[in-house]
Amino acid sequence: MGDLLLVLLPAIVLVALLWGVATALRPRDPGLSEAAKYQRELAERSARHYAAQVQAATAARDRLAAATHPSQNAHQHNQQQEYIRAARQQSERTWQRPGTTENGT
């Protein structure tokens, strides 16, 4: 019994020592703590809120600009529409069959 105790006791101590060293040297859990998760969630919510505020402000500014400043391109757009309309009327007159008049007879 004494010989068994002399062999097992150092073996048990050695195993416990190796386990302690392995545990101490093992890398810690790379997961985030609860505080870090909360901070990340708070930052994400803040960023979404800021983006929504910027989008709302931009839309309000665009609505105000549209109401107070008439489009500088409106006159040009109207001229283009008149030109297209005149070109269609001209092409309808130009491409009639020979021997027909404007009213189609």
PDB file of N, CA and C in Angstrom:
ATOM      1  N   MET A   1       0.825  -1.177   0.000  1.00  0.00           N
ATOM      2  CA  MET A   1       0.000   0.000   0.000  1.00  0.00           C
ATOM      3  C   MET A   1       0.877   1.251   0.000  1.00  0.00           C
ATOM      4  N   GLY A   2       1.972   1.247   0.739  1.00  0.00           N
ATOM      5  CA  GLY A   2       2.872   2.386   0.802  1.00  0.00           C
ATOM      6  C   GLY A   2       3.529   2.661  -0.538  1.00  0.00           C
ATOM      7  N   ASP A   3       3.869   1.553  -1.269  1.00  0.00           N
ATOM      8  CA  ASP A   3       4.492   1.737  -2.586  1.00  0.00           C
ATOM      9  C   ASP A   3       3.491   2.326  -3.575  1.00  0.00           C
ATOM     10  N   LEU A   4       2.262   1.899  -3.484  1.00  0.00           N
ATOM     11  CA  LEU A   4       1.214   2.398  -4.375  1.00  0.00           C
ATOM     12  C   LEU A   4       0.988   3.882  -4.117  1.00  0.00           C
ATOM     13  N   LEU A   5       0.994   4.288  -2.865  1.00  0.00           N
ATOM     14  CA  LEU A   5       0.804   5.686  -2.502  1.00  0.00           C
ATOM     15  C   LEU A   5       1.978   6.535  -2.990  1.00  0.00           C
ATOM     16  N   LEU A   6       3.179   6.002  -2.936  1.00  0.00           N
ATOM     17  CA  LEU A   6       4.345   6.730  -3.396  1.00  0.00           C
ATOM     18  C   LEU A   6       4.340   6.924  -4.922  1.00  0.00           C
ATOM     19  N   VAL A   7       3.685   6.061  -5.675  1.00  0.00           N
ATOM     20  CA  VAL A   7       3.620   6.169  -7.129  1.00  0.00           C
ATOM     21  C   VAL A   7       2.406   7.017  -7.547  1.00  0.00           C
ATOM     22  N   LEU A   8       1.250   6.786  -6.935  1.00  0.00           N
ATOM     23  CA  LEU A   8       0.029   7.480  -7.353  1.00  0.00           C
ATOM     24  C   LEU A   8       0.000   8.945  -6.929  1.00  0.00           C
ATOM     25  N   LEU A   9       0.471   9.266  -5.740  1.00  0.00           N
ATOM     26  CA  LEU A   9       0.403  10.639  -5.264  1.00  0.00           C
ATOM     27  C   LEU A   9       1.206  11.597  -6.165  1.00  0.00           C
ATOM     28  N   PRO A  10       2.437  11.316  -6.516  1.00  0.00           N
ATOM     29  CA  PRO A  10       3.149  12.213  -7.440  1.00  0.00           C
ATOM     30  C   PRO A  10       2.497  12.242  -8.824  1.00  0.00           C
ATOM     31  N   ALA A  11       1.928  11.124  -9.260  1.00  0.00           N
ATOM     32  CA  ALA A  11       1.259  11.095 -10.566  1.00  0.00           C
ATOM     33  C   ALA A  11       0.022  11.994 -10.551  1.00  0.00           C
ATOM     34  N   ILE A  12      -0.753  11.930  -9.484  1.00  0.00           N
ATOM     35  CA  ILE A  12      -1.957  12.774  -9.367  1.00  0.00           C
ATOM     36  C   ILE A  12      -1.555  14.247  -9.297  1.00  0.00           C
ATOM     37  N   VAL A  13      -0.512  14.553  -8.538  1.00  0.00           N
ATOM     38  CA  VAL A  13      -0.040  15.932  -8.444  1.00  0.00           C
ATOM     39  C   VAL A  13       0.462  16.413  -9.804  1.00  0.00           C
ATOM     40  N   LEU A  14       1.166  15.573 -10.514  1.00  0.00           N
ATOM     41  CA  LEU A  14       1.671  15.945 -11.832  1.00  0.00           C
ATOM     42  C   LEU A  14       0.530  16.201 -12.814  1.00  0.00           C
ATOM     43  N   VAL A  15      -0.485  15.351 -12.796  1.00  0.00           N
ATOM     44  CA  VAL A  15      -1.654  15.537 -13.680  1.00  0.00           C
ATOM     45  C   VAL A  15      -2.366  16.836 -13.324  1.00  0.00           C
ATOM     46  N   ALA A  16      -2.549  17.112 -12.039  1.00  0.00           N
ATOM     47  CA  ALA A  16      -3.215  18.343 -11.614  1.00  0.00           C
ATOM     48  C   ALA A  16      -2.396  19.561 -12.036  1.00  0.00           C
ATOM     49  N   LEU A  17      -1.087  19.489 -11.898  1.00  0.00           N
ATOM     50  CA  LEU A  17      -0.214  20.588 -12.297  1.00  0.00           C
ATOM     51  C   LEU A  17      -0.282  20.832 -13.805  1.00  0.00           C
ATOM     52  N   LEU A  18      -0.254  19.757 -14.598  1.00  0.00           N
ATOM     53  CA  LEU A  18      -0.357  19.890 -16.063  1.00  0.00           C
ATOM     54  C   LEU A  18      -1.721  20.473 -16.467  1.00  0.00           C
ATOM     55  N   TRP A  19      -2.774  20.030 -15.801  1.00  0.00           N
ATOM     56  CA  TRP A  19      -4.111  20.558 -16.107  1.00  0.00           C
ATOM     57  C   TRP A  19      -4.172  22.052 -15.783  1.00  0.00           C
ATOM     58  N   GLY A  20      -3.613  22.473 -14.658  1.00  0.00           N
ATOM     59  CA  GLY A  20      -3.601  23.886 -14.269  1.00  0.00           C
ATOM     60  C   GLY A  20      -2.823  24.738 -15.252  1.00  0.00           C
ATOM     61  N   VAL A  21      -1.678  24.258 -15.694  1.00  0.00           N
ATOM     62  CA  VAL A  21      -0.872  24.998 -16.662  1.00  0.00           C
ATOM     63  C   VAL A  21      -1.598  25.090 -18.003  1.00  0.00           C
ATOM     64  N   ALA A  22      -2.195  23.989 -18.437  1.00  0.00           N
ATOM     65  CA  ALA A  22      -2.922  23.987 -19.716  1.00  0.00           C
ATOM     66  C   ALA A  22      -4.108  24.941 -19.656  1.00  0.00           C
ATOM     67  N   THR A  23      -4.816  24.965 -18.531  1.00  0.00           N
ATOM     68  CA  THR A  23      -5.959  25.869 -18.375  1.00  0.00           C
ATOM     69  C   THR A  23      -5.498  27.321 -18.373  1.00  0.00           C
ATOM     70  N   ALA A  24      -4.398  27.607 -17.717  1.00  0.00           N
ATOM     71  CA  ALA A  24      -3.895  28.976 -17.641  1.00  0.00           C
ATOM     72  C   ALA A  24      -3.417  29.473 -18.997  1.00  0.00           C
ATOM     73  N   LEU A  25      -2.848  28.595 -19.809  1.00  0.00           N
ATOM     74  CA  LEU A  25      -2.309  29.008 -21.106  1.00  0.00           C
ATOM     75  C   LEU A  25      -3.337  28.973 -22.238  1.00  0.00           C
ATOM     76  N   ARG A  26      -4.474  28.337 -21.989  1.00  0.00           N
ATOM     77  CA  ARG A  26      -5.510  28.246 -23.026  1.00  0.00           C
ATOM     78  C   ARG A  26      -6.068  29.646 -23.293  1.00  0.00           C
ATOM     79  N   PRO A  27      -6.297  30.014 -24.564  1.00  0.00           N
ATOM     80  CA  PRO A  27      -6.842  31.354 -24.852  1.00  0.00           C
ATOM     81  C   PRO A  27      -8.252  31.494 -24.296  1.00  0.00           C
ATOM     82  N   ARG A  28      -8.544  32.707 -23.878  1.00  0.00           N
ATOM     83  CA  ARG A  28      -9.871  32.974 -23.317  1.00  0.00           C
ATOM     84  C   ARG A  28     -10.914  32.964 -24.427  1.00  0.00           C
ATOM     85  N   ASP A  29     -12.161  32.905 -24.019  1.00  0.00           N
ATOM     86  CA  ASP A  29     -13.288  32.906 -24.953  1.00  0.00           C
ATOM     87  C   ASP A  29     -13.274  34.213 -25.756  1.00  0.00           C
ATOM     88  N   PRO A  30     -13.227  34.124 -27.089  1.00  0.00           N
ATOM     89  CA  PRO A  30     -13.147  35.343 -27.889  1.00  0.00           C
ATOM     90  C   PRO A  30     -14.492  36.064 -28.001  1.00  0.00           C
ATOM     91  N   GLY A  31     -15.540  35.525 -27.398  1.00  0.00           N
ATOM     92  CA  GLY A  31     -16.858  36.153 -27.494  1.00  0.00           C
ATOM     93  C   GLY A  31     -16.901  37.499 -26.793  1.00  0.00           C
ATOM     94  N   LEU A  32     -17.903  38.293 -27.149  1.00  0.00           N
ATOM     95  CA  LEU A  32     -18.044  39.620 -26.575  1.00  0.00           C
ATOM     96  C   LEU A  32     -18.730  39.551 -25.222  1.00  0.00           C
ATOM     97  N   SER A  33     -18.354  40.447 -24.361  1.00  0.00           N
ATOM     98  CA  SER A  33     -19.026  40.527 -23.067  1.00  0.00           C
ATOM     99  C   SER A  33     -20.397  41.177 -23.274  1.00  0.00           C
ATOM    100  N   GLU A  34     -21.235  41.125 -22.264  1.00  0.00           N
ATOM    101  CA  GLU A  34     -22.564  41.722 -22.361  1.00  0.00           C
ATOM    102  C   GLU A  34     -22.464  43.237 -22.565  1.00  0.00           C
ATOM    103  N   ALA A  35     -21.495  43.859 -21.896  1.00  0.00           N
ATOM    104  CA  ALA A  35     -21.321  45.309 -22.049  1.00  0.00           C
ATOM    105  C   ALA A  35     -20.907  45.664 -23.475  1.00  0.00           C
ATOM    106  N   ALA A  36     -20.019  44.857 -24.044  1.00  0.00           N
ATOM    107  CA  ALA A  36     -19.580  45.130 -25.418  1.00  0.00           C
ATOM    108  C   ALA A  36     -20.731  44.910 -26.403  1.00  0.00           C
ATOM    109  N   LYS A  37     -21.540  43.880 -26.166  1.00  0.00           N
ATOM    110  CA  LYS A  37     -22.706  43.641 -27.037  1.00  0.00           C
ATOM    111  C   LYS A  37     -23.682  44.814 -26.953  1.00  0.00           C
ATOM    112  N   TYR A  38     -23.907  45.307 -25.738  1.00  0.00           N
ATOM    113  CA  TYR A  38     -24.817  46.436 -25.555  1.00  0.00           C
ATOM    114  C   TYR A  38     -24.275  47.677 -26.266  1.00  0.00           C
ATOM    115  N   GLN A  39     -22.984  47.922 -26.135  1.00  0.00           N
ATOM    116  CA  GLN A  39     -22.382  49.082 -26.789  1.00  0.00           C
ATOM    117  C   GLN A  39     -22.500  48.984 -28.308  1.00  0.00           C
ATOM    118  N   ARG A  40     -22.282  47.790 -28.848  1.00  0.00           N
ATOM    119  CA  ARG A  40     -22.399  47.597 -30.294  1.00  0.00           C
ATOM    120  C   ARG A  40     -23.848  47.821 -30.751  1.00  0.00           C
ATOM    121  N   GLU A  41     -24.807  47.265 -30.013  1.00  0.00           N
ATOM    122  CA  GLU A  41     -26.223  47.443 -30.356  1.00  0.00           C
ATOM    123  C   GLU A  41     -26.609  48.919 -30.283  1.00  0.00           C
ATOM    124  N   LEU A  42     -26.125  49.600 -29.246  1.00  0.00           N
ATOM    125  CA  LEU A  42     -26.423  51.020 -29.088  1.00  0.00           C
ATOM    126  C   LEU A  42     -25.843  51.831 -30.250  1.00  0.00           C
ATOM    127  N   ALA A  43     -24.640  51.505 -30.673  1.00  0.00           N
ATOM    128  CA  ALA A  43     -24.013  52.207 -31.794  1.00  0.00           C
ATOM    129  C   ALA A  43     -24.773  51.962 -33.094  1.00  0.00           C
ATOM    130  N   GLU A  44     -25.241  50.726 -33.298  1.00  0.00           N
ATOM    131  CA  GLU A  44     -26.000  50.411 -34.516  1.00  0.00           C
ATOM    132  C   GLU A  44     -27.321  51.164 -34.535  1.00  0.00           C
ATOM    133  N   ARG A  45     -28.025  51.194 -33.377  1.00  0.00           N
ATOM    134  CA  ARG A  45     -29.290  51.933 -33.315  1.00  0.00           C
ATOM    135  C   ARG A  45     -29.056  53.422 -33.548  1.00  0.00           C
ATOM    136  N   SER A  46     -27.995  53.946 -32.982  1.00  0.00           N
ATOM    137  CA  SER A  46     -27.677  55.360 -33.159  1.00  0.00           C
ATOM    138  C   SER A  46     -27.387  55.666 -34.625  1.00  0.00           C
ATOM    139  N   ALA A  47     -26.645  54.794 -35.290  1.00  0.00           N
ATOM    140  CA  ALA A  47     -26.329  55.003 -36.708  1.00  0.00           C
ATOM    141  C   ALA A  47     -27.587  54.951 -37.565  1.00  0.00           C
ATOM    142  N   ARG A  48     -28.489  53.997 -37.268  1.00  0.00           N
ATOM    143  CA  ARG A  48     -29.747  53.927 -38.031  1.00  0.00           C
ATOM    144  C   ARG A  48     -30.582  55.186 -37.812  1.00  0.00           C
ATOM    145  N   HIS A  49     -30.649  55.659 -36.574  1.00  0.00           N
ATOM    146  CA  HIS A  49     -31.417  56.860 -36.271  1.00  0.00           C
ATOM    147  C   HIS A  49     -30.821  58.073 -36.996  1.00  0.00           C
ATOM    148  N   TYR A  50     -29.507  58.189 -36.969  1.00  0.00           N
ATOM    149  CA  TYR A  50     -28.845  59.304 -37.645  1.00  0.00           C
ATOM    150  C   TYR A  50     -29.111  59.260 -39.150  1.00  0.00           C
ATOM    151  N   ALA A  51     -29.035  58.066 -39.741  1.00  0.00           N
ATOM    152  CA  ALA A  51     -29.294  57.934 -41.181  1.00  0.00           C
ATOM    153  C   ALA A  51     -30.732  58.329 -41.514  1.00  0.00           C
ATOM    154  N   ALA A  52     -31.664  57.942 -40.660  1.00  0.00           N
ATOM    155  CA  ALA A  52     -33.069  58.317 -40.893  1.00  0.00           C
ATOM    156  C   ALA A  52     -33.241  59.826 -40.777  1.00  0.00           C
ATOM    157  N   GLN A  53     -32.563  60.447 -39.821  1.00  0.00           N
ATOM    158  CA  GLN A  53     -32.656  61.899 -39.671  1.00  0.00           C
ATOM    159  C   GLN A  53     -32.069  62.617 -40.890  1.00  0.00           C
ATOM    160  N   VAL A  54     -30.954  62.130 -41.381  1.00  0.00           N
ATOM    161  CA  VAL A  54     -30.332  62.739 -42.559  1.00  0.00           C
ATOM    162  C   VAL A  54     -31.248  62.587 -43.773  1.00  0.00           C
ATOM    163  N   GLN A  55     -31.846  61.406 -43.918  1.00  0.00           N
ATOM    164  CA  GLN A  55     -32.741  61.170 -45.053  1.00  0.00           C
ATOM    165  C   GLN A  55     -33.963  62.085 -44.970  1.00  0.00           C
ATOM    166  N   ALA A  56     -34.537  62.231 -43.765  1.00  0.00           N
ATOM    167  CA  ALA A  56     -35.704  63.101 -43.599  1.00  0.00           C
ATOM    168  C   ALA A  56     -35.334  64.553 -43.869  1.00  0.00           C
ATOM    169  N   ALA A  57     -34.181  64.989 -43.399  1.00  0.00           N
ATOM    170  CA  ALA A  57     -33.755  66.373 -43.629  1.00  0.00           C
ATOM    171  C   ALA A  57     -33.504  66.629 -45.107  1.00  0.00           C
ATOM    172  N   THR A  58     -32.912  65.665 -45.787  1.00  0.00           N
ATOM    173  CA  THR A  58     -32.658  65.813 -47.227  1.00  0.00           C
ATOM    174  C   THR A  58     -33.970  65.893 -47.995  1.00  0.00           C
ATOM    175  N   ALA A  59     -34.927  65.043 -47.634  1.00  0.00           N
ATOM    176  CA  ALA A  59     -36.231  65.068 -48.309  1.00  0.00           C
ATOM    177  C   ALA A  59     -36.941  66.395 -48.052  1.00  0.00           C
ATOM    178  N   ALA A  60     -36.877  66.892 -46.830  1.00  0.00           N
ATOM    179  CA  ALA A  60     -37.516  68.178 -46.518  1.00  0.00           C
ATOM    180  C   ALA A  60     -36.852  69.314 -47.291  1.00  0.00           C
ATOM    181  N   ARG A  61     -35.521  69.283 -47.373  1.00  0.00           N
ATOM    182  CA  ARG A  61     -34.806  70.312 -48.125  1.00  0.00           C
ATOM    183  C   ARG A  61     -35.179  70.255 -49.608  1.00  0.00           C
ATOM    184  N   ASP A  62     -35.296  69.052 -50.156  1.00  0.00           N
ATOM    185  CA  ASP A  62     -35.662  68.908 -51.565  1.00  0.00           C
ATOM    186  C   ASP A  62     -37.084  69.411 -51.820  1.00  0.00           C
ATOM    187  N   ARG A  63     -38.006  69.089 -50.880  1.00  0.00           N
ATOM    188  CA  ARG A  63     -39.383  69.579 -51.040  1.00  0.00           C
ATOM    189  C   ARG A  63     -39.420  71.104 -50.982  1.00  0.00           C
ATOM    190  N   LEU A  64     -38.677  71.693 -50.060  1.00  0.00           N
ATOM    191  CA  LEU A  64     -38.642  73.138 -49.930  1.00  0.00           C
ATOM    192  C   LEU A  64     -38.031  73.776 -51.175  1.00  0.00           C
ATOM    193  N   ALA A  65     -36.954  73.194 -51.678  1.00  0.00           N
ATOM    194  CA  ALA A  65     -36.314  73.734 -52.879  1.00  0.00           C
ATOM    195  C   ALA A  65     -37.250  73.629 -54.081  1.00  0.00           C
ATOM    196  N   ALA A  66     -37.980  72.530 -54.182  1.00  0.00           N
ATOM    197  CA  ALA A  66     -38.903  72.372 -55.310  1.00  0.00           C
ATOM    198  C   ALA A  66     -40.049  73.375 -55.226  1.00  0.00           C
ATOM    199  N   ALA A  67     -40.470  73.694 -54.004  1.00  0.00           N
ATOM    200  CA  ALA A  67     -41.582  74.635 -53.848  1.00  0.00           C
ATOM    201  C   ALA A  67     -41.137  76.078 -54.056  1.00  0.00           C
ATOM    202  N   THR A  68     -39.915  76.402 -53.686  1.00  0.00           N
ATOM    203  CA  THR A  68     -39.480  77.798 -53.749  1.00  0.00           C
ATOM    204  C   THR A  68     -38.705  78.150 -55.012  1.00  0.00           C
ATOM    205  N   HIS A  69     -38.065  77.179 -55.646  1.00  0.00           N
ATOM    206  CA  HIS A  69     -37.290  77.452 -56.861  1.00  0.00           C
ATOM    207  C   HIS A  69     -37.863  76.655 -58.020  1.00  0.00           C
ATOM    208  N   PRO A  70     -38.500  77.316 -58.968  1.00  0.00           N
ATOM    209  CA  PRO A  70     -38.993  76.555 -60.114  1.00  0.00           C
ATOM    210  C   PRO A  70     -37.821  75.925 -60.861  1.00  0.00           C
ATOM    211  N   SER A  71     -38.106  74.836 -61.459  1.00  0.00           N
ATOM    212  CA  SER A  71     -37.050  74.100 -62.148  1.00  0.00           C
ATOM    213  C   SER A  71     -36.450  74.940 -63.254  1.00  0.00           C
ATOM    214  N   GLN A  72     -35.141  74.974 -63.292  1.00  0.00           N
ATOM    215  CA  GLN A  72     -34.467  75.720 -64.344  1.00  0.00           C
ATOM    216  C   GLN A  72     -34.599  75.011 -65.681  1.00  0.00           C
ATOM    217  N   ASN A  73     -34.923  73.744 -65.626  1.00  0.00           N
ATOM    218  CA  ASN A  73     -35.038  72.981 -66.864  1.00  0.00           C
ATOM    219  C   ASN A  73     -36.476  72.922 -67.378  1.00  0.00           C
ATOM    220  N   ALA A  74     -37.410  73.520 -66.665  1.00  0.00           N
ATOM    221  CA  ALA A  74     -38.809  73.434 -67.086  1.00  0.00           C
ATOM    222  C   ALA A  74     -39.013  74.086 -68.446  1.00  0.00           C
ATOM    223  N   HIS A  75     -38.414  75.255 -68.651  1.00  0.00           N
ATOM    224  CA  HIS A  75     -38.566  75.943 -69.932  1.00  0.00           C
ATOM    225  C   HIS A  75     -37.949  75.118 -71.056  1.00  0.00           C
ATOM    226  N   GLN A  76     -36.767  74.566 -70.821  1.00  0.00           N
ATOM    227  CA  GLN A  76     -36.111  73.736 -71.829  1.00  0.00           C
ATOM    228  C   GLN A  76     -36.955  72.489 -72.118  1.00  0.00           C
ATOM    229  N   HIS A  77     -37.527  71.878 -71.086  1.00  0.00           N
ATOM    230  CA  HIS A  77     -38.371  70.691 -71.270  1.00  0.00           C
ATOM    231  C   HIS A  77     -39.592  71.046 -72.128  1.00  0.00           C
ATOM    232  N   ASN A  78     -40.206  72.191 -71.853  1.00  0.00           N
ATOM    233  CA  ASN A  78     -41.378  72.603 -72.645  1.00  0.00           C
ATOM    234  C   ASN A  78     -40.994  72.831 -74.106  1.00  0.00           C
ATOM    235  N   GLN A  79     -39.829  73.431 -74.333  1.00  0.00           N
ATOM    236  CA  GLN A  79     -39.386  73.645 -75.709  1.00  0.00           C
ATOM    237  C   GLN A  79     -39.151  72.319 -76.415  1.00  0.00           C
ATOM    238  N   GLN A  80     -38.571  71.360 -75.722  1.00  0.00           N
ATOM    239  CA  GLN A  80     -38.334  70.056 -76.339  1.00  0.00           C
ATOM    240  C   GLN A  80     -39.653  69.367 -76.680  1.00  0.00           C
ATOM    241  N   GLN A  81     -40.635  69.466 -75.793  1.00  0.00           N
ATOM    242  CA  GLN A  81     -41.928  68.850 -76.063  1.00  0.00           C
ATOM    243  C   GLN A  81     -42.604  69.503 -77.275  1.00  0.00           C
ATOM    244  N   GLU A  82     -42.513  70.821 -77.370  1.00  0.00           N
ATOM    245  CA  GLU A  82     -43.091  71.515 -78.527  1.00  0.00           C
ATOM    246  C   GLU A  82     -42.372  71.107 -79.808  1.00  0.00           C
ATOM    247  N   TYR A  83     -41.055  70.973 -79.749  1.00  0.00           N
ATOM    248  CA  TYR A  83     -40.287  70.562 -80.914  1.00  0.00           C
ATOM    249  C   TYR A  83     -40.684  69.155 -81.357  1.00  0.00           C
ATOM    250  N   ILE A  84     -40.830  68.249 -80.402  1.00  0.00           N
ATOM    251  CA  ILE A  84     -41.231  66.872 -80.725  1.00  0.00           C
ATOM    252  C   ILE A  84     -42.618  66.859 -81.339  1.00  0.00           C
ATOM    253  N   ARG A  85     -43.537  67.627 -80.769  1.00  0.00           N
ATOM    254  CA  ARG A  85     -44.902  67.695 -81.288  1.00  0.00           C
ATOM    255  C   ARG A  85     -44.904  68.246 -82.717  1.00  0.00           C
ATOM    256  N   ALA A  86     -44.119  69.306 -82.955  1.00  0.00           N
ATOM    257  CA  ALA A  86     -44.058  69.898 -84.299  1.00  0.00           C
ATOM    258  C   ALA A  86     -43.422  68.921 -85.283  1.00  0.00           C
ATOM    259  N   ALA A  87     -42.418  68.182 -84.848  1.00  0.00           N
ATOM    260  CA  ALA A  87     -41.771  67.219 -85.735  1.00  0.00           C
ATOM    261  C   ALA A  87     -42.727  66.091 -86.102  1.00  0.00           C
ATOM    262  N   ARG A  88     -43.541  65.651 -85.171  1.00  0.00           N
ATOM    263  CA  ARG A  88     -44.524  64.599 -85.473  1.00  0.00           C
ATOM    264  C   ARG A  88     -45.553  65.087 -86.484  1.00  0.00           C
ATOM    265  N   GLN A  89     -46.028  66.305 -86.260  1.00  0.00           N
ATOM    266  CA  GLN A  89     -47.011  66.849 -87.205  1.00  0.00           C
ATOM    267  C   GLN A  89     -46.396  66.996 -88.594  1.00  0.00           C
ATOM    268  N   GLN A  90     -45.165  67.436 -88.640  1.00  0.00           N
ATOM    269  CA  GLN A  90     -44.485  67.595 -89.929  1.00  0.00           C
ATOM    270  C   GLN A  90     -44.295  66.245 -90.601  1.00  0.00           C
ATOM    271  N   SER A  91     -43.906  65.221 -89.811  1.00  0.00           N
ATOM    272  CA  SER A  91     -43.678  63.913 -90.417  1.00  0.00           C
ATOM    273  C   SER A  91     -44.996  63.290 -90.873  1.00  0.00           C
ATOM    274  N   GLU A  92     -46.074  63.571 -90.181  1.00  0.00           N
ATOM    275  CA  GLU A  92     -47.380  63.069 -90.631  1.00  0.00           C
ATOM    276  C   GLU A  92     -47.770  63.712 -91.957  1.00  0.00           C
ATOM    277  N   ARG A  93     -47.459  64.962 -92.123  1.00  0.00           N
ATOM    278  CA  ARG A  93     -47.780  65.647 -93.372  1.00  0.00           C
ATOM    279  C   ARG A  93     -46.860  65.169 -94.497  1.00  0.00           C
ATOM    280  N   THR A  94     -45.597  64.927 -94.174  1.00  0.00           N
ATOM    281  CA  THR A  94     -44.601  64.572 -95.185  1.00  0.00           C
ATOM    282  C   THR A  94     -44.820  63.162 -95.711  1.00  0.00           C
ATOM    283  N   TRP A  95     -45.223  62.228 -94.894  1.00  0.00           N
ATOM    284  CA  TRP A  95     -45.271  60.840 -95.279  1.00  0.00           C
ATOM    285  C   TRP A  95     -46.654  60.370 -95.721  1.00  0.00           C
ATOM    286  N   GLN A  96     -47.473  61.262 -96.198  1.00  0.00           N
ATOM    287  CA  GLN A  96     -48.761  60.837 -96.739  1.00  0.00           C
ATOM    288  C   GLN A  96     -48.550  60.243 -98.126  1.00  0.00           C
ATOM    289  N   ARG A  97     -49.480  59.352 -98.515  1.00  0.00           N
ATOM    290  CA  ARG A  97     -49.381  58.745 -99.835  1.00  0.00           C
ATOM    291  C   ARG A  97     -49.561  59.803-100.913  1.00  0.00           C
ATOM    292  N   PRO A  98     -48.891  59.617-102.039  1.00  0.00           N
ATOM    293  CA  PRO A  98     -49.068  60.583-103.131  1.00  0.00           C
ATOM    294  C   PRO A  98     -50.526  60.594-103.593  1.00  0.00           C
ATOM    295  N   GLY A  99     -50.994  61.776-103.911  1.00  0.00           N
ATOM    296  CA  GLY A  99     -52.361  61.906-104.391  1.00  0.00           C
ATOM    297  C   GLY A  99     -53.379  62.107-103.278  1.00  0.00           C
ATOM    298  N   THR A 100     -52.957  62.128-102.021  1.00  0.00           N
ATOM    299  CA  THR A 100     -53.902  62.366-100.929  1.00  0.00           C
ATOM    300  C   THR A 100     -53.688  63.766-100.391  1.00  0.00           C
ATOM    301  N   THR A 101     -54.710  64.303 -99.786  1.00  0.00           N
ATOM    302  CA  THR A 101     -54.598  65.638 -99.178  1.00  0.00           C
ATOM    303  C   THR A 101     -54.440  65.470 -97.670  1.00  0.00           C
ATOM    304  N   GLU A 102     -54.376  66.594 -96.989  1.00  0.00           N
ATOM    305  CA  GLU A 102     -54.157  66.539 -95.557  1.00  0.00           C
ATOM    306  C   GLU A 102     -55.294  65.879 -94.811  1.00  0.00           C
ATOM    307  N   ASN A 103     -56.510  66.013 -95.314  1.00  0.00           N
ATOM    308  CA  ASN A 103     -57.643  65.408 -94.610  1.00  0.00           C
ATOM    309  C   ASN A 103     -57.834  63.937 -94.980  1.00  0.00           C
ATOM    310  N   GLY A 104     -56.952  63.380 -95.812  1.00  0.00           N
ATOM    311  CA  GLY A 104     -56.951  61.958 -96.092  1.00  0.00           C
ATOM    312  C   GLY A 104     -57.759  61.528 -97.296  1.00  0.00           C
ATOM    313  N   THR A 105     -58.245  62.454 -98.110  1.00  0.00           N
ATOM    314  CA  THR A 105     -59.030  62.078 -99.304  1.00  0.00           C
ATOM    315  C   THR A 105     -58.239  62.185-100.559  1.00  0.00           C
TER     316      THR A 105
END
